[in-house]
Amino acid sequence: MKLKLGIPKGSLQDATVDLFRRAGFNITVSSRSYFPVIDDPELECMLIRAQEMARYVDDGVLDAGLTGLDWVRENDADVVTVADLIYAKQSFGKVRWVLAVPESSAVNSVKDLEGKIIATELVGATRRYLAEHGVNAKVEFSWGATEVKPPVLADAIVEVTETGSSLRANKLRIVDTVLESNTQLIANKQAWQDPAKRKKLQDIKMLLEGAMNALGKVGLMLNVEKRNLDKVLGVLPALKKPTVSHLSDENWVAVNTILDESTVRIIIPRLKEAGAEGIVEYPLNKIVP
């Protein structure tokens, strides 16, 4: 059994390859090949632009692939969503496709765009959005550099953003959110019906989600005398449930827990003050519930 898996080429490529590495799969990408090497004999990878991924999965050229919900909707693809993976090129959150206009524009809502020109790469979804609001406007496909088109080449744009910084830099303001999107692992419907391929995809889903759960987390282990245990546990976040185990010295115990990496620099000195010794912080690749 070989599962043909599409890896998104472009802005999501590095984040995807890194997520797979955390999940236990090493993918080697060559600048001269569209077929990355993966250290799993049951997987065969191909680099495909995220914009086209859903179409190739729907057509059966690929068994599965990673792409954004935006491009699944844009291609009107009939695919199975195996997993929602909330990550993007800069952060591990959702992205938004927003309707934006120049700061000086008189447009304050989508209704003000009647008869106007909108430039975007997300043509189909934008047309559906306008139809939902009963607005007739001309939607033009943009090959890139969409932010620079208003006000000369378009009255408004629909563009993807994570932070809004690029829009602000181009003196644009957001009028509305057209679509929220996040990365998904999608599968071809026939491939999903194949028991071996479905099992493989479910395994990949579990490992990828485990890697996502571990992002921003670290493990912490330490030793403490029993008489100081309550003080040490009092320092640790209340919602965490540390593992306490006995040591060869009956007066001492070992404590093991998982913490947000951002809090460790505050917590470790407090643990030391509470009587903890032999404190070890270690990285985590996966947390599988």
C-alpha atoms as a PDB file:
ATOM      1  CA  MET A   1       0.000   0.000   0.000  1.00  0.00           C
ATOM      2  CA  LYS A   2       1.281   3.433  -1.017  1.00  0.00           C
ATOM      3  CA  LEU A   3      -0.580   6.529   0.084  1.00  0.00           C
ATOM      4  CA  LYS A   4      -0.004   9.481  -2.267  1.00  0.00           C
ATOM      5  CA  LEU A   5       0.260  12.558  -0.054  1.00  0.00           C
ATOM      6  CA  GLY A   6       0.368  16.176  -1.216  1.00  0.00           C
ATOM      7  CA  ILE A   7       2.618  18.581   0.687  1.00  0.00           C
ATOM      8  CA  PRO A   8       1.733  22.279   0.126  1.00  0.00           C
ATOM      9  CA  LYS A   9       4.426  24.072  -1.862  1.00  0.00           C
ATOM     10  CA  GLY A  10       5.060  27.697  -0.959  1.00  0.00           C
ATOM     11  CA  SER A  11       4.221  29.608   2.220  1.00  0.00           C
ATOM     12  CA  LEU A  12       2.953  26.559   4.161  1.00  0.00           C
ATOM     13  CA  GLN A  13       5.771  24.236   3.079  1.00  0.00           C
ATOM     14  CA  ASP A  14       8.264  24.838   5.886  1.00  0.00           C
ATOM     15  CA  ALA A  15       5.604  24.797   8.624  1.00  0.00           C
ATOM     16  CA  THR A  16       4.190  21.537   7.237  1.00  0.00           C
ATOM     17  CA  VAL A  17       7.570  19.803   6.944  1.00  0.00           C
ATOM     18  CA  ASP A  18       8.405  20.901  10.514  1.00  0.00           C
ATOM     19  CA  LEU A  19       5.053  19.624  11.828  1.00  0.00           C
ATOM     20  CA  PHE A  20       5.643  16.243  10.172  1.00  0.00           C
ATOM     21  CA  ARG A  21       9.136  16.163  11.711  1.00  0.00           C
ATOM     22  CA  ARG A  22       7.626  16.690  15.157  1.00  0.00           C
ATOM     23  CA  ALA A  23       5.126  13.944  14.377  1.00  0.00           C
ATOM     24  CA  GLY A  24       7.984  11.528  13.577  1.00  0.00           C
ATOM     25  CA  PHE A  25       8.212  11.773   9.778  1.00  0.00           C
ATOM     26  CA  ASN A  26      11.383  13.146   8.193  1.00  0.00           C
ATOM     27  CA  ILE A  27      10.661  14.818   4.853  1.00  0.00           C
ATOM     28  CA  THR A  28      13.598  15.914   2.687  1.00  0.00           C
ATOM     29  CA  VAL A  29      12.713  18.545   0.090  1.00  0.00           C
ATOM     30  CA  SER A  30      14.981  19.220  -2.878  1.00  0.00           C
ATOM     31  CA  SER A  31      14.786  22.487  -4.792  1.00  0.00           C
ATOM     32  CA  ARG A  32      15.111  20.497  -8.020  1.00  0.00           C
ATOM     33  CA  SER A  33      12.344  17.963  -7.426  1.00  0.00           C
ATOM     34  CA  TYR A  34       8.610  18.015  -6.799  1.00  0.00           C
ATOM     35  CA  PHE A  35       8.823  14.633  -5.085  1.00  0.00           C
ATOM     36  CA  PRO A  36      10.166  15.019  -1.514  1.00  0.00           C
ATOM     37  CA  VAL A  37      11.689  11.960   0.142  1.00  0.00           C
ATOM     38  CA  ILE A  38       9.937  10.696   3.292  1.00  0.00           C
ATOM     39  CA  ASP A  39      11.246   8.020   5.641  1.00  0.00           C
ATOM     40  CA  ASP A  40       8.018   5.991   5.526  1.00  0.00           C
ATOM     41  CA  PRO A  41       7.730   3.288   2.838  1.00  0.00           C
ATOM     42  CA  GLU A  42       3.921   3.543   2.905  1.00  0.00           C
ATOM     43  CA  LEU A  43       3.945   7.236   1.900  1.00  0.00           C
ATOM     44  CA  GLU A  44       4.771   8.905  -1.408  1.00  0.00           C
ATOM     45  CA  CYS A  45       4.950  12.696  -1.320  1.00  0.00           C
ATOM     46  CA  MET A  46       4.432  15.332  -3.969  1.00  0.00           C
ATOM     47  CA  LEU A  47       4.752  19.105  -3.718  1.00  0.00           C
ATOM     48  CA  ILE A  48       1.582  20.842  -4.923  1.00  0.00           C
ATOM     49  CA  ARG A  49       0.509  24.463  -4.560  1.00  0.00           C
ATOM     50  CA  ALA A  50      -2.052  24.785  -1.775  1.00  0.00           C
ATOM     51  CA  GLN A  51      -4.406  26.538  -4.210  1.00  0.00           C
ATOM     52  CA  GLU A  52      -4.551  23.394  -6.397  1.00  0.00           C
ATOM     53  CA  MET A  53      -4.323  20.686  -3.739  1.00  0.00           C
ATOM     54  CA  ALA A  54      -8.063  20.133  -3.183  1.00  0.00           C
ATOM     55  CA  ARG A  55      -8.694  19.695  -6.915  1.00  0.00           C
ATOM     56  CA  TYR A  56      -6.016  17.011  -7.259  1.00  0.00           C
ATOM     57  CA  VAL A  57      -7.272  15.201  -4.145  1.00  0.00           C
ATOM     58  CA  ASP A  58     -10.865  15.387  -5.417  1.00  0.00           C
ATOM     59  CA  ASP A  59      -9.778  14.030  -8.838  1.00  0.00           C
ATOM     60  CA  GLY A  60      -7.872  11.132  -7.227  1.00  0.00           C
ATOM     61  CA  VAL A  61      -4.443  12.175  -8.495  1.00  0.00           C
ATOM     62  CA  LEU A  62      -3.548  12.320  -4.790  1.00  0.00           C
ATOM     63  CA  ASP A  63      -5.024  10.191  -2.017  1.00  0.00           C
ATOM     64  CA  ALA A  64      -4.653  12.975   0.525  1.00  0.00           C
ATOM     65  CA  GLY A  65      -3.035  16.353   1.038  1.00  0.00           C
ATOM     66  CA  LEU A  66      -2.706  19.391   3.254  1.00  0.00           C
ATOM     67  CA  THR A  67      -4.291  22.658   2.200  1.00  0.00           C
ATOM     68  CA  GLY A  68      -6.424  25.461   3.549  1.00  0.00           C
ATOM     69  CA  LEU A  69     -10.169  25.313   4.036  1.00  0.00           C
ATOM     70  CA  ASP A  70     -10.230  28.430   1.826  1.00  0.00           C
ATOM     71  CA  TRP A  71      -8.904  26.505  -1.170  1.00  0.00           C
ATOM     72  CA  VAL A  72     -11.226  23.554  -0.533  1.00  0.00           C
ATOM     73  CA  ARG A  73     -14.134  26.013  -0.689  1.00  0.00           C
ATOM     74  CA  GLU A  74     -12.689  27.930  -3.641  1.00  0.00           C
ATOM     75  CA  ASN A  75     -12.378  24.723  -5.702  1.00  0.00           C
ATOM     76  CA  ASP A  76     -15.766  23.443  -4.461  1.00  0.00           C
ATOM     77  CA  ALA A  77     -13.938  20.168  -3.797  1.00  0.00           C
ATOM     78  CA  ASP A  78     -15.829  17.059  -2.684  1.00  0.00           C
ATOM     79  CA  VAL A  79     -13.291  15.645  -0.218  1.00  0.00           C
ATOM     80  CA  VAL A  80     -13.146  14.164   3.275  1.00  0.00           C
ATOM     81  CA  THR A  81     -11.785  16.382   6.061  1.00  0.00           C
ATOM     82  CA  VAL A  82      -9.545  14.049   8.067  1.00  0.00           C
ATOM     83  CA  ALA A  83      -8.123  16.629  10.491  1.00  0.00           C
ATOM     84  CA  ASP A  84      -8.239  20.348  11.264  1.00  0.00           C
ATOM     85  CA  LEU A  85      -4.689  21.570  11.840  1.00  0.00           C
ATOM     86  CA  ILE A  86      -4.713  25.093  13.198  1.00  0.00           C
ATOM     87  CA  TYR A  87      -1.424  26.371  11.859  1.00  0.00           C
ATOM     88  CA  ALA A  88      -0.258  28.745   9.160  1.00  0.00           C
ATOM     89  CA  LYS A  89       2.988  30.163   7.806  1.00  0.00           C
ATOM     90  CA  GLN A  90       3.670  32.695  10.606  1.00  0.00           C
ATOM     91  CA  SER A  91       1.609  31.443  13.518  1.00  0.00           C
ATOM     92  CA  PHE A  92      -0.362  28.435  14.651  1.00  0.00           C
ATOM     93  CA  GLY A  93      -3.764  30.060  14.326  1.00  0.00           C
ATOM     94  CA  LYS A  94      -6.426  30.726  11.749  1.00  0.00           C
ATOM     95  CA  VAL A  95      -6.062  33.130   8.841  1.00  0.00           C
ATOM     96  CA  ARG A  96      -8.741  35.468   7.548  1.00  0.00           C
ATOM     97  CA  TRP A  97      -9.693  36.519   4.047  1.00  0.00           C
ATOM     98  CA  VAL A  98     -10.806  40.105   4.527  1.00  0.00           C
ATOM     99  CA  LEU A  99     -12.487  42.748   2.430  1.00  0.00           C
ATOM    100  CA  ALA A 100     -10.225  45.813   2.510  1.00  0.00           C
ATOM    101  CA  VAL A 101     -10.313  49.289   0.994  1.00  0.00           C
ATOM    102  CA  PRO A 102      -8.002  52.327   1.015  1.00  0.00           C
ATOM    103  CA  GLU A 103      -8.065  54.270   4.292  1.00  0.00           C
ATOM    104  CA  SER A 104      -9.558  57.263   2.451  1.00  0.00           C
ATOM    105  CA  SER A 105     -12.308  55.239   0.730  1.00  0.00           C
ATOM    106  CA  ALA A 106     -15.969  56.081   1.288  1.00  0.00           C
ATOM    107  CA  VAL A 107     -16.745  52.351   1.441  1.00  0.00           C
ATOM    108  CA  ASN A 108     -17.826  51.335   4.953  1.00  0.00           C
ATOM    109  CA  SER A 109     -19.678  48.083   4.247  1.00  0.00           C
ATOM    110  CA  VAL A 110     -19.999  45.472   1.525  1.00  0.00           C
ATOM    111  CA  LYS A 111     -23.234  47.195   0.409  1.00  0.00           C
ATOM    112  CA  ASP A 112     -21.173  50.201  -0.699  1.00  0.00           C
ATOM    113  CA  LEU A 113     -19.408  48.072  -3.338  1.00  0.00           C
ATOM    114  CA  GLU A 114     -22.376  47.834  -5.700  1.00  0.00           C
ATOM    115  CA  GLY A 115     -21.019  48.174  -9.257  1.00  0.00           C
ATOM    116  CA  LYS A 116     -17.413  48.443  -8.035  1.00  0.00           C
ATOM    117  CA  ILE A 117     -14.310  46.360  -8.870  1.00  0.00           C
ATOM    118  CA  ILE A 118     -12.803  43.896  -6.357  1.00  0.00           C
ATOM    119  CA  ALA A 119      -9.419  42.225  -6.937  1.00  0.00           C
ATOM    120  CA  THR A 120      -8.634  38.892  -5.291  1.00  0.00           C
ATOM    121  CA  GLU A 121      -7.088  35.478  -5.723  1.00  0.00           C
ATOM    122  CA  LEU A 122     -10.165  33.954  -4.051  1.00  0.00           C
ATOM    123  CA  VAL A 123     -12.622  34.675  -6.871  1.00  0.00           C
ATOM    124  CA  GLY A 124     -15.261  31.967  -6.294  1.00  0.00           C
ATOM    125  CA  ALA A 125     -15.583  32.508  -2.548  1.00  0.00           C
ATOM    126  CA  THR A 126     -15.723  36.294  -3.022  1.00  0.00           C
ATOM    127  CA  ARG A 127     -18.524  35.999  -5.583  1.00  0.00           C
ATOM    128  CA  ARG A 128     -20.497  33.772  -3.201  1.00  0.00           C
ATOM    129  CA  TYR A 129     -19.921  36.281  -0.377  1.00  0.00           C
ATOM    130  CA  LEU A 130     -21.232  39.149  -2.540  1.00  0.00           C
ATOM    131  CA  ALA A 131     -24.246  37.088  -3.592  1.00  0.00           C
ATOM    132  CA  GLU A 132     -25.079  36.375   0.062  1.00  0.00           C
ATOM    133  CA  HIS A 133     -25.199  40.137   0.654  1.00  0.00           C
ATOM    134  CA  GLY A 134     -27.138  40.890  -2.558  1.00  0.00           C
ATOM    135  CA  VAL A 135     -24.302  42.970  -4.019  1.00  0.00           C
ATOM    136  CA  ASN A 136     -23.402  43.060  -7.719  1.00  0.00           C
ATOM    137  CA  ALA A 137     -19.731  43.875  -8.194  1.00  0.00           C
ATOM    138  CA  LYS A 138     -17.028  42.877 -10.664  1.00  0.00           C
ATOM    139  CA  VAL A 139     -14.564  40.357  -9.174  1.00  0.00           C
ATOM    140  CA  GLU A 140     -11.211  40.224 -10.961  1.00  0.00           C
ATOM    141  CA  PHE A 141      -8.562  37.558 -10.431  1.00  0.00           C
ATOM    142  CA  SER A 142      -5.333  38.977  -9.020  1.00  0.00           C
ATOM    143  CA  TRP A 143      -2.032  37.293  -9.834  1.00  0.00           C
ATOM    144  CA  GLY A 144      -0.344  38.771  -6.786  1.00  0.00           C
ATOM    145  CA  ALA A 145       0.630  42.070  -5.153  1.00  0.00           C
ATOM    146  CA  THR A 146      -3.088  42.560  -4.556  1.00  0.00           C
ATOM    147  CA  GLU A 147      -2.530  45.146  -1.799  1.00  0.00           C
ATOM    148  CA  VAL A 148      -1.138  47.725  -4.252  1.00  0.00           C
ATOM    149  CA  LYS A 149      -4.121  47.651  -6.646  1.00  0.00           C
ATOM    150  CA  PRO A 150      -6.516  50.022  -4.838  1.00  0.00           C
ATOM    151  CA  PRO A 151      -7.506  52.668  -5.620  1.00  0.00           C
ATOM    152  CA  VAL A 152      -6.216  52.803  -9.227  1.00  0.00           C
ATOM    153  CA  LEU A 153      -6.833  49.223 -10.438  1.00  0.00           C
ATOM    154  CA  ALA A 154      -9.600  48.200  -8.033  1.00  0.00           C
ATOM    155  CA  ASP A 155     -11.974  49.766  -5.523  1.00  0.00           C
ATOM    156  CA  ALA A 156     -11.414  47.013  -2.960  1.00  0.00           C
ATOM    157  CA  ILE A 157      -9.571  43.750  -2.447  1.00  0.00           C
ATOM    158  CA  VAL A 158     -10.209  40.460  -0.716  1.00  0.00           C
ATOM    159  CA  GLU A 159      -6.890  39.313   0.707  1.00  0.00           C
ATOM    160  CA  VAL A 160      -5.621  36.816   3.258  1.00  0.00           C
ATOM    161  CA  THR A 161      -4.107  38.082   6.484  1.00  0.00           C
ATOM    162  CA  GLU A 162      -2.799  36.730   9.767  1.00  0.00           C
ATOM    163  CA  THR A 163      -1.866  39.951  11.544  1.00  0.00           C
ATOM    164  CA  GLY A 164      -3.131  42.731   9.252  1.00  0.00           C
ATOM    165  CA  SER A 165       0.333  44.336   9.194  1.00  0.00           C
ATOM    166  CA  SER A 166       0.742  44.132   5.403  1.00  0.00           C
ATOM    167  CA  LEU A 167      -2.643  45.769   4.870  1.00  0.00           C
ATOM    168  CA  ARG A 168      -1.812  48.590   7.277  1.00  0.00           C
ATOM    169  CA  ALA A 169       1.557  49.084   5.597  1.00  0.00           C
ATOM    170  CA  ASN A 170      -0.280  49.619   2.307  1.00  0.00           C
ATOM    171  CA  LYS A 171      -2.727  52.072   3.929  1.00  0.00           C
ATOM    172  CA  LEU A 172      -5.697  49.746   3.697  1.00  0.00           C
ATOM    173  CA  ARG A 173      -8.428  49.195   6.280  1.00  0.00           C
ATOM    174  CA  ILE A 174     -10.520  46.092   6.823  1.00  0.00           C
ATOM    175  CA  VAL A 175     -14.243  46.381   6.139  1.00  0.00           C
ATOM    176  CA  ASP A 176     -15.357  42.790   6.779  1.00  0.00           C
ATOM    177  CA  THR A 177     -14.199  39.171   7.096  1.00  0.00           C
ATOM    178  CA  VAL A 178     -15.144  37.094   4.060  1.00  0.00           C
ATOM    179  CA  LEU A 179     -13.849  33.722   5.250  1.00  0.00           C
ATOM    180  CA  GLU A 180     -11.845  32.228   8.114  1.00  0.00           C
ATOM    181  CA  SER A 181      -9.499  29.421   7.176  1.00  0.00           C
ATOM    182  CA  ASN A 182      -7.079  26.939   8.667  1.00  0.00           C
ATOM    183  CA  THR A 183      -4.985  24.092   7.343  1.00  0.00           C
ATOM    184  CA  GLN A 184      -6.714  20.758   6.862  1.00  0.00           C
ATOM    185  CA  LEU A 185      -5.626  17.210   6.094  1.00  0.00           C
ATOM    186  CA  ILE A 186      -8.066  16.175   3.372  1.00  0.00           C
ATOM    187  CA  ALA A 187      -8.592  12.826   1.634  1.00  0.00           C
ATOM    188  CA  ASN A 188     -10.026  11.555  -1.613  1.00  0.00           C
ATOM    189  CA  LYS A 189     -13.379   9.848  -0.968  1.00  0.00           C
ATOM    190  CA  GLN A 190     -12.363   6.572  -2.670  1.00  0.00           C
ATOM    191  CA  ALA A 191      -9.045   6.480  -0.801  1.00  0.00           C
ATOM    192  CA  TRP A 192     -10.958   7.031   2.467  1.00  0.00           C
ATOM    193  CA  GLN A 193     -13.041   3.934   1.700  1.00  0.00           C
ATOM    194  CA  ASP A 194      -9.874   1.809   1.344  1.00  0.00           C
ATOM    195  CA  PRO A 195      -9.340   0.251   4.822  1.00  0.00           C
ATOM    196  CA  ALA A 196      -5.526   0.310   4.633  1.00  0.00           C
ATOM    197  CA  LYS A 197      -5.375   3.925   3.428  1.00  0.00           C
ATOM    198  CA  ARG A 198      -7.970   5.042   5.969  1.00  0.00           C
ATOM    199  CA  LYS A 199      -5.989   3.402   8.794  1.00  0.00           C
ATOM    200  CA  LYS A 200      -2.808   5.122   7.593  1.00  0.00           C
ATOM    201  CA  LEU A 201      -4.566   8.494   7.442  1.00  0.00           C
ATOM    202  CA  GLN A 202      -6.004   8.023  10.928  1.00  0.00           C
ATOM    203  CA  ASP A 203      -2.512   7.223  12.238  1.00  0.00           C
ATOM    204  CA  ILE A 204      -1.110  10.348  10.546  1.00  0.00           C
ATOM    205  CA  LYS A 205      -3.973  12.431  12.001  1.00  0.00           C
ATOM    206  CA  MET A 206      -3.221  11.172  15.536  1.00  0.00           C
ATOM    207  CA  LEU A 207       0.516  11.902  15.220  1.00  0.00           C
ATOM    208  CA  LEU A 208       0.026  15.341  13.642  1.00  0.00           C
ATOM    209  CA  GLU A 209      -2.498  16.338  16.310  1.00  0.00           C
ATOM    210  CA  GLY A 210      -0.103  15.044  18.967  1.00  0.00           C
ATOM    211  CA  ALA A 211       2.608  17.279  17.515  1.00  0.00           C
ATOM    212  CA  MET A 212       0.199  20.229  17.495  1.00  0.00           C
ATOM    213  CA  ASN A 213      -0.702  19.588  21.151  1.00  0.00           C
ATOM    214  CA  ALA A 214       2.987  19.737  22.096  1.00  0.00           C
ATOM    215  CA  LEU A 215       3.640  23.122  20.489  1.00  0.00           C
ATOM    216  CA  GLY A 216       4.668  25.640  23.116  1.00  0.00           C
ATOM    217  CA  LYS A 217       4.813  22.969  25.826  1.00  0.00           C
ATOM    218  CA  VAL A 218       7.769  21.506  27.746  1.00  0.00           C
ATOM    219  CA  GLY A 219       8.189  18.723  30.262  1.00  0.00           C
ATOM    220  CA  LEU A 220       9.513  19.397  33.746  1.00  0.00           C
ATOM    221  CA  MET A 221      10.787  16.833  36.246  1.00  0.00           C
ATOM    222  CA  LEU A 222      12.226  17.402  39.693  1.00  0.00           C
ATOM    223  CA  ASN A 223      12.911  15.749  43.046  1.00  0.00           C
ATOM    224  CA  VAL A 224      11.533  16.991  46.340  1.00  0.00           C
ATOM    225  CA  GLU A 225      11.406  15.895  49.978  1.00  0.00           C
ATOM    226  CA  LYS A 226       7.948  14.726  51.004  1.00  0.00           C
ATOM    227  CA  ARG A 227       7.730  17.426  53.662  1.00  0.00           C
ATOM    228  CA  ASN A 228       8.039  20.077  50.885  1.00  0.00           C
ATOM    229  CA  LEU A 229       5.736  18.380  48.369  1.00  0.00           C
ATOM    230  CA  ASP A 230       2.660  20.505  49.063  1.00  0.00           C
ATOM    231  CA  LYS A 231       4.684  23.706  48.688  1.00  0.00           C
ATOM    232  CA  VAL A 232       6.107  22.509  45.347  1.00  0.00           C
ATOM    233  CA  LEU A 233       2.689  21.441  44.046  1.00  0.00           C
ATOM    234  CA  GLY A 234       1.357  24.824  45.101  1.00  0.00           C
ATOM    235  CA  VAL A 235       3.777  26.503  42.692  1.00  0.00           C
ATOM    236  CA  LEU A 236       2.634  24.415  39.723  1.00  0.00           C
ATOM    237  CA  PRO A 237      -0.464  25.538  37.729  1.00  0.00           C
ATOM    238  CA  ALA A 238      -3.620  24.247  39.422  1.00  0.00           C
ATOM    239  CA  LEU A 239      -5.116  22.735  36.262  1.00  0.00           C
ATOM    240  CA  LYS A 240      -2.066  20.561  35.566  1.00  0.00           C
ATOM    241  CA  LYS A 241      -1.991  17.115  37.148  1.00  0.00           C
ATOM    242  CA  PRO A 242       1.641  16.229  37.831  1.00  0.00           C
ATOM    243  CA  THR A 243       2.796  12.645  38.262  1.00  0.00           C
ATOM    244  CA  VAL A 244       4.284  11.982  41.698  1.00  0.00           C
ATOM    245  CA  SER A 245       6.348   8.806  42.077  1.00  0.00           C
ATOM    246  CA  HIS A 246       8.407   7.289  44.885  1.00  0.00           C
ATOM    247  CA  LEU A 247      12.207   7.271  44.899  1.00  0.00           C
ATOM    248  CA  SER A 248      14.593   4.772  46.530  1.00  0.00           C
ATOM    249  CA  ASP A 249      14.874   7.189  49.452  1.00  0.00           C
ATOM    250  CA  GLU A 250      11.458   6.967  51.117  1.00  0.00           C
ATOM    251  CA  ASN A 251      11.674  10.611  52.213  1.00  0.00           C
ATOM    252  CA  TRP A 252      11.851  11.863  48.622  1.00  0.00           C
ATOM    253  CA  VAL A 253       9.523  11.789  45.584  1.00  0.00           C
ATOM    254  CA  ALA A 254       9.884  12.653  41.905  1.00  0.00           C
ATOM    255  CA  VAL A 255       7.434  15.065  40.247  1.00  0.00           C
ATOM    256  CA  ASN A 256       6.819  15.089  36.492  1.00  0.00           C
ATOM    257  CA  THR A 257       4.551  17.569  34.695  1.00  0.00           C
ATOM    258  CA  ILE A 258       3.903  19.439  31.442  1.00  0.00           C
ATOM    259  CA  LEU A 259       3.879  23.234  31.340  1.00  0.00           C
ATOM    260  CA  ASP A 260       3.513  26.097  28.884  1.00  0.00           C
ATOM    261  CA  GLU A 261       7.053  26.994  27.819  1.00  0.00           C
ATOM    262  CA  SER A 262       6.336  30.688  28.370  1.00  0.00           C
ATOM    263  CA  THR A 263       5.719  30.139  32.103  1.00  0.00           C
ATOM    264  CA  VAL A 264       8.777  28.010  32.923  1.00  0.00           C
ATOM    265  CA  ARG A 265      11.168  30.910  33.504  1.00  0.00           C
ATOM    266  CA  ILE A 266       8.841  32.188  36.228  1.00  0.00           C
ATOM    267  CA  ILE A 267       8.033  28.807  37.777  1.00  0.00           C
ATOM    268  CA  ILE A 268      11.532  27.246  38.045  1.00  0.00           C
ATOM    269  CA  PRO A 269      12.903  29.837  40.549  1.00  0.00           C
ATOM    270  CA  ARG A 270       9.716  29.468  42.641  1.00  0.00           C
ATOM    271  CA  LEU A 271      10.101  25.655  42.609  1.00  0.00           C
ATOM    272  CA  LYS A 272      13.669  26.004  43.837  1.00  0.00           C
ATOM    273  CA  GLU A 273      12.514  28.268  46.657  1.00  0.00           C
ATOM    274  CA  ALA A 274       9.855  25.690  47.594  1.00  0.00           C
ATOM    275  CA  GLY A 275      12.513  22.985  48.037  1.00  0.00           C
ATOM    276  CA  ALA A 276      12.688  21.305  44.617  1.00  0.00           C
ATOM    277  CA  GLU A 277      16.038  19.852  43.511  1.00  0.00           C
ATOM    278  CA  GLY A 278      17.408  18.291  40.329  1.00  0.00           C
ATOM    279  CA  ILE A 279      15.021  20.282  38.136  1.00  0.00           C
ATOM    280  CA  VAL A 280      15.170  19.176  34.473  1.00  0.00           C
ATOM    281  CA  GLU A 281      13.304  20.867  31.622  1.00  0.00           C
ATOM    282  CA  TYR A 282      12.973  18.852  28.397  1.00  0.00           C
ATOM    283  CA  PRO A 283      11.357  19.446  24.973  1.00  0.00           C
ATOM    284  CA  LEU A 284       8.236  17.640  23.796  1.00  0.00           C
ATOM    285  CA  ASN A 285       7.467  16.492  20.252  1.00  0.00           C
ATOM    286  CA  LYS A 286       4.039  14.952  20.773  1.00  0.00           C
ATOM    287  CA  ILE A 287       1.271  14.865  23.369  1.00  0.00           C
ATOM    288  CA  VAL A 288      -1.297  12.187  22.534  1.00  0.00           C
ATOM    289  CA  PRO A 289      -4.283  12.186  24.934  1.00  0.00           C
END
